[in-house]
């Protein structure tokens, strides 16, 4: 909701621990930082 965008080739999410992992390259862009 803050305007940040994550891009990657793969993302894994564990429902129990509520943890997301990007094992490879990623990019986050947003209004305040990249």
ModelCIF file with pLDDT and N, C-alpha, C, O atoms, coordinates in Angstrom:
data_MODEL
#
_entry.id   MODEL 
#
_entity.id                         1 
_entity.type                       polymer 
_entity.pdbx_number_of_molecules   1 
#
_entity_poly.entity_id                      1 
_entity_poly.type                           'polypeptide(L)' 
_entity_poly.nstd_linkage                   no 
_entity_poly.nstd_monomer                   no 
_entity_poly.pdbx_seq_one_letter_code       
;(UNK)(UNK)(UNK)(UNK)(UNK)(UNK)(UNK)(UNK)(UNK)(UNK)(UNK)(UNK)(UNK)(UNK)(UNK)(UNK)
(UNK)(UNK)(UNK)(UNK)(UNK)(UNK)(UNK)(UNK)(UNK)(UNK)(UNK)(UNK)(UNK)(UNK)(UNK)(UNK)
(UNK)(UNK)
;
_entity_poly.pdbx_seq_one_letter_code_can   XXXXXXXXXXXXXXXXXXXXXXXXXXXXXXXXXX 
_entity_poly.pdbx_strand_id                 A 
#
loop_
_entity_poly_seq.entity_id 
_entity_poly_seq.num 
_entity_poly_seq.mon_id 
_entity_poly_seq.hetero 
1 1  UNK n 
1 2  UNK n 
1 3  UNK n 
1 4  UNK n 
1 5  UNK n 
1 6  UNK n 
1 7  UNK n 
1 8  UNK n 
1 9  UNK n 
1 10 UNK n 
1 11 UNK n 
1 12 UNK n 
1 13 UNK n 
1 14 UNK n 
1 15 UNK n 
1 16 UNK n 
1 17 UNK n 
1 18 UNK n 
1 19 UNK n 
1 20 UNK n 
1 21 UNK n 
1 22 UNK n 
1 23 UNK n 
1 24 UNK n 
1 25 UNK n 
1 26 UNK n 
1 27 UNK n 
1 28 UNK n 
1 29 UNK n 
1 30 UNK n 
1 31 UNK n 
1 32 UNK n 
1 33 UNK n 
1 34 UNK n 
#
_struct_asym.id          A 
_struct_asym.entity_id   1 
#
loop_
_ma_qa_metric.id 
_ma_qa_metric.mode 
_ma_qa_metric.name 
_ma_qa_metric.software_group_id 
_ma_qa_metric.type 
1 global pLDDT . pLDDT 
2 local  pLDDT . pLDDT 
#
_ma_qa_metric_global.metric_id      1 
_ma_qa_metric_global.metric_value   93.12 
_ma_qa_metric_global.model_id       1 
_ma_qa_metric_global.ordinal_id     1 
#
loop_
_ma_qa_metric_local.label_asym_id 
_ma_qa_metric_local.label_comp_id 
_ma_qa_metric_local.label_seq_id 
_ma_qa_metric_local.metric_id 
_ma_qa_metric_local.metric_value 
_ma_qa_metric_local.model_id 
_ma_qa_metric_local.ordinal_id 
A UNK 1  2 87.00 1 1  
A UNK 2  2 87.00 1 2  
A UNK 3  2 90.00 1 3  
A UNK 4  2 93.00 1 4  
A UNK 5  2 96.00 1 5  
A UNK 6  2 96.00 1 6  
A UNK 7  2 97.00 1 7  
A UNK 8  2 97.00 1 8  
A UNK 9  2 97.00 1 9  
A UNK 10 2 97.00 1 10 
A UNK 11 2 96.00 1 11 
A UNK 12 2 96.00 1 12 
A UNK 13 2 92.00 1 13 
A UNK 14 2 91.00 1 14 
A UNK 15 2 85.00 1 15 
A UNK 16 2 86.00 1 16 
A UNK 17 2 88.00 1 17 
A UNK 18 2 85.00 1 18 
A UNK 19 2 92.00 1 19 
A UNK 20 2 93.00 1 20 
A UNK 21 2 96.00 1 21 
A UNK 22 2 97.00 1 22 
A UNK 23 2 96.00 1 23 
A UNK 24 2 96.00 1 24 
A UNK 25 2 97.00 1 25 
A UNK 26 2 97.00 1 26 
A UNK 27 2 97.00 1 27 
A UNK 28 2 96.00 1 28 
A UNK 29 2 95.00 1 29 
A UNK 30 2 92.00 1 30 
A UNK 31 2 91.00 1 31 
A UNK 32 2 90.00 1 32 
A UNK 33 2 91.00 1 33 
A UNK 34 2 94.00 1 34 
#
loop_
_atom_site.group_PDB 
_atom_site.id 
_atom_site.type_symbol 
_atom_site.label_atom_id 
_atom_site.label_alt_id 
_atom_site.label_comp_id 
_atom_site.label_asym_id 
_atom_site.label_entity_id 
_atom_site.label_seq_id 
_atom_site.pdbx_PDB_ins_code 
_atom_site.Cartn_x 
_atom_site.Cartn_y 
_atom_site.Cartn_z 
_atom_site.occupancy 
_atom_site.B_iso_or_equiv 
_atom_site.pdbx_formal_charge 
_atom_site.auth_seq_id 
_atom_site.auth_comp_id 
_atom_site.auth_asym_id 
_atom_site.auth_atom_id 
_atom_site.pdbx_PDB_model_num 
ATOM 1   N N  . UNK A 1 1  ? 0.812  -1.229  0.000   1.00 87.00 ? 1  UNK A N  1 
ATOM 2   C CA . UNK A 1 1  ? 0.000  0.000   0.000   1.00 87.00 ? 1  UNK A CA 1 
ATOM 3   C C  . UNK A 1 1  ? 0.844  1.276   0.000   1.00 87.00 ? 1  UNK A C  1 
ATOM 4   O O  . UNK A 1 1  ? 0.330  2.353   -0.300  1.00 87.00 ? 1  UNK A O  1 
ATOM 5   N N  . UNK A 1 2  ? 2.125  1.166   0.332   1.00 87.00 ? 2  UNK A N  1 
ATOM 6   C CA . UNK A 1 2  ? 2.988  2.346   0.362   1.00 87.00 ? 2  UNK A CA 1 
ATOM 7   C C  . UNK A 1 2  ? 3.599  2.670   -0.994  1.00 87.00 ? 2  UNK A C  1 
ATOM 8   O O  . UNK A 1 2  ? 4.315  3.663   -1.121  1.00 87.00 ? 2  UNK A O  1 
ATOM 9   N N  . UNK A 1 3  ? 3.334  1.862   -1.998  1.00 90.00 ? 3  UNK A N  1 
ATOM 10  C CA . UNK A 1 3  ? 3.826  2.134   -3.341  1.00 90.00 ? 3  UNK A CA 1 
ATOM 11  C C  . UNK A 1 3  ? 5.110  1.422   -3.710  1.00 90.00 ? 3  UNK A C  1 
ATOM 12  O O  . UNK A 1 3  ? 5.719  1.751   -4.728  1.00 90.00 ? 3  UNK A O  1 
ATOM 13  N N  . UNK A 1 4  ? 5.540  0.456   -2.913  1.00 93.00 ? 4  UNK A N  1 
ATOM 14  C CA . UNK A 1 4  ? 6.747  -0.294  -3.228  1.00 93.00 ? 4  UNK A CA 1 
ATOM 15  C C  . UNK A 1 4  ? 6.394  -1.509  -4.080  1.00 93.00 ? 4  UNK A C  1 
ATOM 16  O O  . UNK A 1 4  ? 5.372  -2.160  -3.864  1.00 93.00 ? 4  UNK A O  1 
ATOM 17  N N  . UNK A 1 5  ? 7.259  -1.803  -5.052  1.00 96.00 ? 5  UNK A N  1 
ATOM 18  C CA . UNK A 1 5  ? 7.033  -2.914  -5.970  1.00 96.00 ? 5  UNK A CA 1 
ATOM 19  C C  . UNK A 1 5  ? 8.245  -3.839  -5.931  1.00 96.00 ? 5  UNK A C  1 
ATOM 20  O O  . UNK A 1 5  ? 9.383  -3.397  -6.090  1.00 96.00 ? 5  UNK A O  1 
ATOM 21  N N  . UNK A 1 6  ? 7.985  -5.121  -5.719  1.00 96.00 ? 6  UNK A N  1 
ATOM 22  C CA . UNK A 1 6  ? 9.023  -6.159  -5.719  1.00 96.00 ? 6  UNK A CA 1 
ATOM 23  C C  . UNK A 1 6  ? 8.923  -6.930  -7.022  1.00 96.00 ? 6  UNK A C  1 
ATOM 24  O O  . UNK A 1 6  ? 7.831  -7.335  -7.423  1.00 96.00 ? 6  UNK A O  1 
ATOM 25  N N  . UNK A 1 7  ? 10.056 -7.138  -7.689  1.00 97.00 ? 7  UNK A N  1 
ATOM 26  C CA . UNK A 1 7  ? 10.087 -7.991  -8.869  1.00 97.00 ? 7  UNK A CA 1 
ATOM 27  C C  . UNK A 1 7  ? 11.167 -9.051  -8.678  1.00 97.00 ? 7  UNK A C  1 
ATOM 28  O O  . UNK A 1 7  ? 12.241 -8.768  -8.148  1.00 97.00 ? 7  UNK A O  1 
ATOM 29  N N  . UNK A 1 8  ? 10.869 -10.271 -9.115  1.00 97.00 ? 8  UNK A N  1 
ATOM 30  C CA . UNK A 1 8  ? 11.793 -11.399 -8.991  1.00 97.00 ? 8  UNK A CA 1 
ATOM 31  C C  . UNK A 1 8  ? 11.331 -12.503 -9.936  1.00 97.00 ? 8  UNK A C  1 
ATOM 32  O O  . UNK A 1 8  ? 10.257 -12.411 -10.530 1.00 97.00 ? 8  UNK A O  1 
ATOM 33  N N  . UNK A 1 9  ? 12.139 -13.537 -10.069 1.00 97.00 ? 9  UNK A N  1 
ATOM 34  C CA . UNK A 1 9  ? 11.753 -14.698 -10.871 1.00 97.00 ? 9  UNK A CA 1 
ATOM 35  C C  . UNK A 1 9  ? 11.056 -15.764 -10.031 1.00 97.00 ? 9  UNK A C  1 
ATOM 36  O O  . UNK A 1 9  ? 10.300 -16.580 -10.560 1.00 97.00 ? 9  UNK A O  1 
ATOM 37  N N  . UNK A 1 10 ? 11.309 -15.757 -8.723  1.00 97.00 ? 10 UNK A N  1 
ATOM 38  C CA . UNK A 1 10 ? 10.728 -16.770 -7.845  1.00 97.00 ? 10 UNK A CA 1 
ATOM 39  C C  . UNK A 1 10 ? 10.534 -16.204 -6.442  1.00 97.00 ? 10 UNK A C  1 
ATOM 40  O O  . UNK A 1 10 ? 11.335 -15.400 -5.965  1.00 97.00 ? 10 UNK A O  1 
ATOM 41  N N  . UNK A 1 11 ? 9.463  -16.634 -5.796  1.00 96.00 ? 11 UNK A N  1 
ATOM 42  C CA . UNK A 1 11 ? 9.192  -16.266 -4.410  1.00 96.00 ? 11 UNK A CA 1 
ATOM 43  C C  . UNK A 1 11 ? 8.560  -17.471 -3.732  1.00 96.00 ? 11 UNK A C  1 
ATOM 44  O O  . UNK A 1 11 ? 7.666  -18.108 -4.288  1.00 96.00 ? 11 UNK A O  1 
ATOM 45  N N  . UNK A 1 12 ? 9.028  -17.779 -2.532  1.00 96.00 ? 12 UNK A N  1 
ATOM 46  C CA . UNK A 1 12 ? 8.461  -18.887 -1.765  1.00 96.00 ? 12 UNK A CA 1 
ATOM 47  C C  . UNK A 1 12 ? 7.833  -18.325 -0.500  1.00 96.00 ? 12 UNK A C  1 
ATOM 48  O O  . UNK A 1 12 ? 8.375  -17.413 0.124   1.00 96.00 ? 12 UNK A O  1 
ATOM 49  N N  . UNK A 1 13 ? 6.673  -18.884 -0.126  1.00 92.00 ? 13 UNK A N  1 
ATOM 50  C CA . UNK A 1 13 ? 5.963  -18.407 1.056   1.00 92.00 ? 13 UNK A CA 1 
ATOM 51  C C  . UNK A 1 13 ? 5.598  -19.593 1.931   1.00 92.00 ? 13 UNK A C  1 
ATOM 52  O O  . UNK A 1 13 ? 5.002  -20.565 1.468   1.00 92.00 ? 13 UNK A O  1 
ATOM 53  N N  . UNK A 1 14 ? 5.969  -19.496 3.219   1.00 91.00 ? 14 UNK A N  1 
ATOM 54  C CA . UNK A 1 14 ? 5.617  -20.519 4.197   1.00 91.00 ? 14 UNK A CA 1 
ATOM 55  C C  . UNK A 1 14 ? 4.446  -20.013 5.020   1.00 91.00 ? 14 UNK A C  1 
ATOM 56  O O  . UNK A 1 14 ? 4.560  -19.020 5.739   1.00 91.00 ? 14 UNK A O  1 
ATOM 57  N N  . UNK A 1 15 ? 3.317  -20.706 4.909   1.00 85.00 ? 15 UNK A N  1 
ATOM 58  C CA . UNK A 1 15 ? 2.078  -20.271 5.550   1.00 85.00 ? 15 UNK A CA 1 
ATOM 59  C C  . UNK A 1 15 ? 2.219  -20.259 7.071   1.00 85.00 ? 15 UNK A C  1 
ATOM 60  O O  . UNK A 1 15 ? 1.797  -19.301 7.719   1.00 85.00 ? 15 UNK A O  1 
ATOM 61  N N  . UNK A 1 16 ? 2.804  -21.305 7.647   1.00 86.00 ? 16 UNK A N  1 
ATOM 62  C CA . UNK A 1 16 ? 2.904  -21.428 9.114   1.00 86.00 ? 16 UNK A CA 1 
ATOM 63  C C  . UNK A 1 16 ? 3.715  -20.291 9.729   1.00 86.00 ? 16 UNK A C  1 
ATOM 64  O O  . UNK A 1 16 ? 3.274  -19.675 10.699  1.00 86.00 ? 16 UNK A O  1 
ATOM 65  N N  . UNK A 1 17 ? 4.894  -20.004 9.178   1.00 88.00 ? 17 UNK A N  1 
ATOM 66  C CA . UNK A 1 17 ? 5.774  -18.976 9.757   1.00 88.00 ? 17 UNK A CA 1 
ATOM 67  C C  . UNK A 1 17 ? 5.501  -17.587 9.178   1.00 88.00 ? 17 UNK A C  1 
ATOM 68  O O  . UNK A 1 17 ? 6.044  -16.593 9.659   1.00 88.00 ? 17 UNK A O  1 
ATOM 69  N N  . UNK A 1 18 ? 4.656  -17.522 8.146   1.00 85.00 ? 18 UNK A N  1 
ATOM 70  C CA . UNK A 1 18 ? 4.355  -16.263 7.452   1.00 85.00 ? 18 UNK A CA 1 
ATOM 71  C C  . UNK A 1 18 ? 5.650  -15.566 7.028   1.00 85.00 ? 18 UNK A C  1 
ATOM 72  O O  . UNK A 1 18 ? 5.881  -14.391 7.312   1.00 85.00 ? 18 UNK A O  1 
ATOM 73  N N  . UNK A 1 19 ? 6.481  -16.350 6.336   1.00 92.00 ? 19 UNK A N  1 
ATOM 74  C CA . UNK A 1 19 ? 7.771  -15.862 5.886   1.00 92.00 ? 19 UNK A CA 1 
ATOM 75  C C  . UNK A 1 19 ? 7.883  -16.055 4.370   1.00 92.00 ? 19 UNK A C  1 
ATOM 76  O O  . UNK A 1 19 ? 7.612  -17.139 3.853   1.00 92.00 ? 19 UNK A O  1 
ATOM 77  N N  . UNK A 1 20 ? 8.286  -14.992 3.667   1.00 93.00 ? 20 UNK A N  1 
ATOM 78  C CA . UNK A 1 20 ? 8.485  -15.054 2.225   1.00 93.00 ? 20 UNK A CA 1 
ATOM 79  C C  . UNK A 1 20 ? 9.980  -15.002 1.936   1.00 93.00 ? 20 UNK A C  1 
ATOM 80  O O  . UNK A 1 20 ? 10.724 -14.264 2.582   1.00 93.00 ? 20 UNK A O  1 
ATOM 81  N N  . UNK A 1 21 ? 10.411 -15.797 0.952   1.00 96.00 ? 21 UNK A N  1 
ATOM 82  C CA . UNK A 1 21 ? 11.816 -15.854 0.588   1.00 96.00 ? 21 UNK A CA 1 
ATOM 83  C C  . UNK A 1 21 ? 11.954 -15.725 -0.921  1.00 96.00 ? 21 UNK A C  1 
ATOM 84  O O  . UNK A 1 21 ? 11.248 -16.382 -1.685  1.00 96.00 ? 21 UNK A O  1 
ATOM 85  N N  . UNK A 1 22 ? 12.880 -14.863 -1.333  1.00 97.00 ? 22 UNK A N  1 
ATOM 86  C CA . UNK A 1 22 ? 13.261 -14.768 -2.739  1.00 97.00 ? 22 UNK A CA 1 
ATOM 87  C C  . UNK A 1 22 ? 14.662 -15.359 -2.823  1.00 97.00 ? 22 UNK A C  1 
ATOM 88  O O  . UNK A 1 22 ? 15.614 -14.748 -2.338  1.00 97.00 ? 22 UNK A O  1 
ATOM 89  N N  . UNK A 1 23 ? 14.810 -16.552 -3.437  1.00 96.00 ? 23 UNK A N  1 
ATOM 90  C CA . UNK A 1 23 ? 16.126 -17.191 -3.444  1.00 96.00 ? 23 UNK A CA 1 
ATOM 91  C C  . UNK A 1 23 ? 17.114 -16.584 -4.434  1.00 96.00 ? 23 UNK A C  1 
ATOM 92  O O  . UNK A 1 23 ? 18.320 -16.762 -4.267  1.00 96.00 ? 23 UNK A O  1 
ATOM 93  N N  . UNK A 1 24 ? 16.655 -15.887 -5.438  1.00 96.00 ? 24 UNK A N  1 
ATOM 94  C CA . UNK A 1 24 ? 17.545 -15.334 -6.458  1.00 96.00 ? 24 UNK A CA 1 
ATOM 95  C C  . UNK A 1 24 ? 17.577 -13.813 -6.434  1.00 96.00 ? 24 UNK A C  1 
ATOM 96  O O  . UNK A 1 24 ? 17.358 -13.188 -5.396  1.00 96.00 ? 24 UNK A O  1 
ATOM 97  N N  . UNK A 1 25 ? 17.850 -13.235 -7.582  1.00 97.00 ? 25 UNK A N  1 
ATOM 98  C CA . UNK A 1 25 ? 17.902 -11.782 -7.722  1.00 97.00 ? 25 UNK A CA 1 
ATOM 99  C C  . UNK A 1 25 ? 16.523 -11.173 -7.526  1.00 97.00 ? 25 UNK A C  1 
ATOM 100 O O  . UNK A 1 25 ? 15.508 -11.768 -7.888  1.00 97.00 ? 25 UNK A O  1 
ATOM 101 N N  . UNK A 1 26 ? 16.502 -9.981  -6.950  1.00 97.00 ? 26 UNK A N  1 
ATOM 102 C CA . UNK A 1 26 ? 15.250 -9.255  -6.740  1.00 97.00 ? 26 UNK A CA 1 
ATOM 103 C C  . UNK A 1 26 ? 15.505 -7.766  -6.888  1.00 97.00 ? 26 UNK A C  1 
ATOM 104 O O  . UNK A 1 26 ? 16.643 -7.298  -6.861  1.00 97.00 ? 26 UNK A O  1 
ATOM 105 N N  . UNK A 1 27 ? 14.408 -7.039  -7.045  1.00 97.00 ? 27 UNK A N  1 
ATOM 106 C CA . UNK A 1 27 ? 14.479 -5.585  -7.116  1.00 97.00 ? 27 UNK A CA 1 
ATOM 107 C C  . UNK A 1 27 ? 13.241 -5.042  -6.423  1.00 97.00 ? 27 UNK A C  1 
ATOM 108 O O  . UNK A 1 27 ? 12.126 -5.502  -6.671  1.00 97.00 ? 27 UNK A O  1 
ATOM 109 N N  . UNK A 1 28 ? 13.444 -4.061  -5.553  1.00 96.00 ? 28 UNK A N  1 
ATOM 110 C CA . UNK A 1 28 ? 12.345 -3.356  -4.907  1.00 96.00 ? 28 UNK A CA 1 
ATOM 111 C C  . UNK A 1 28 ? 12.477 -1.888  -5.285  1.00 96.00 ? 28 UNK A C  1 
ATOM 112 O O  . UNK A 1 28 ? 13.520 -1.271  -5.066  1.00 96.00 ? 28 UNK A O  1 
ATOM 113 N N  . UNK A 1 29 ? 11.416 -1.338  -5.854  1.00 95.00 ? 29 UNK A N  1 
ATOM 114 C CA . UNK A 1 29 ? 11.411 0.084   -6.198  1.00 95.00 ? 29 UNK A CA 1 
ATOM 115 C C  . UNK A 1 29 ? 10.245 0.741   -5.482  1.00 95.00 ? 29 UNK A C  1 
ATOM 116 O O  . UNK A 1 29 ? 9.192  0.135   -5.289  1.00 95.00 ? 29 UNK A O  1 
ATOM 117 N N  . UNK A 1 30 ? 10.449 1.975   -5.098  1.00 92.00 ? 30 UNK A N  1 
ATOM 118 C CA . UNK A 1 30 ? 9.393  2.684   -4.393  1.00 92.00 ? 30 UNK A CA 1 
ATOM 119 C C  . UNK A 1 30 ? 9.602  4.171   -4.412  1.00 92.00 ? 30 UNK A C  1 
ATOM 120 O O  . UNK A 1 30 ? 10.547 4.672   -5.020  1.00 92.00 ? 30 UNK A O  1 
ATOM 121 N N  . UNK A 1 31 ? 8.713  4.878   -3.740  1.00 91.00 ? 31 UNK A N  1 
ATOM 122 C CA . UNK A 1 31 ? 8.786  6.339   -3.751  1.00 91.00 ? 31 UNK A CA 1 
ATOM 123 C C  . UNK A 1 31 ? 10.008 6.896   -3.022  1.00 91.00 ? 31 UNK A C  1 
ATOM 124 O O  . UNK A 1 31 ? 10.468 7.987   -3.359  1.00 91.00 ? 31 UNK A O  1 
ATOM 125 N N  . UNK A 1 32 ? 10.544 6.181   -2.034  1.00 90.00 ? 32 UNK A N  1 
ATOM 126 C CA . UNK A 1 32 ? 11.643 6.714   -1.221  1.00 90.00 ? 32 UNK A CA 1 
ATOM 127 C C  . UNK A 1 32 ? 12.979 6.027   -1.477  1.00 90.00 ? 32 UNK A C  1 
ATOM 128 O O  . UNK A 1 32 ? 14.032 6.604   -1.206  1.00 90.00 ? 32 UNK A O  1 
ATOM 129 N N  . UNK A 1 33 ? 12.948 4.774   -2.008  1.00 91.00 ? 33 UNK A N  1 
ATOM 130 C CA . UNK A 1 33 ? 14.200 4.052   -2.200  1.00 91.00 ? 33 UNK A CA 1 
ATOM 131 C C  . UNK A 1 33 ? 14.056 2.961   -3.249  1.00 91.00 ? 33 UNK A C  1 
ATOM 132 O O  . UNK A 1 33 ? 12.953 2.511   -3.559  1.00 91.00 ? 33 UNK A O  1 
ATOM 133 N N  . UNK A 1 34 ? 15.213 2.542   -3.793  1.00 94.00 ? 34 UNK A N  1 
ATOM 134 C CA . UNK A 1 34 ? 15.310 1.368   -4.655  1.00 94.00 ? 34 UNK A CA 1 
ATOM 135 C C  . UNK A 1 34 ? 16.311 0.427   -3.998  1.00 94.00 ? 34 UNK A C  1 
ATOM 136 O O  . UNK A 1 34 ? 16.582 -0.651  -4.526  1.00 94.00 ? 34 UNK A O  1 
#
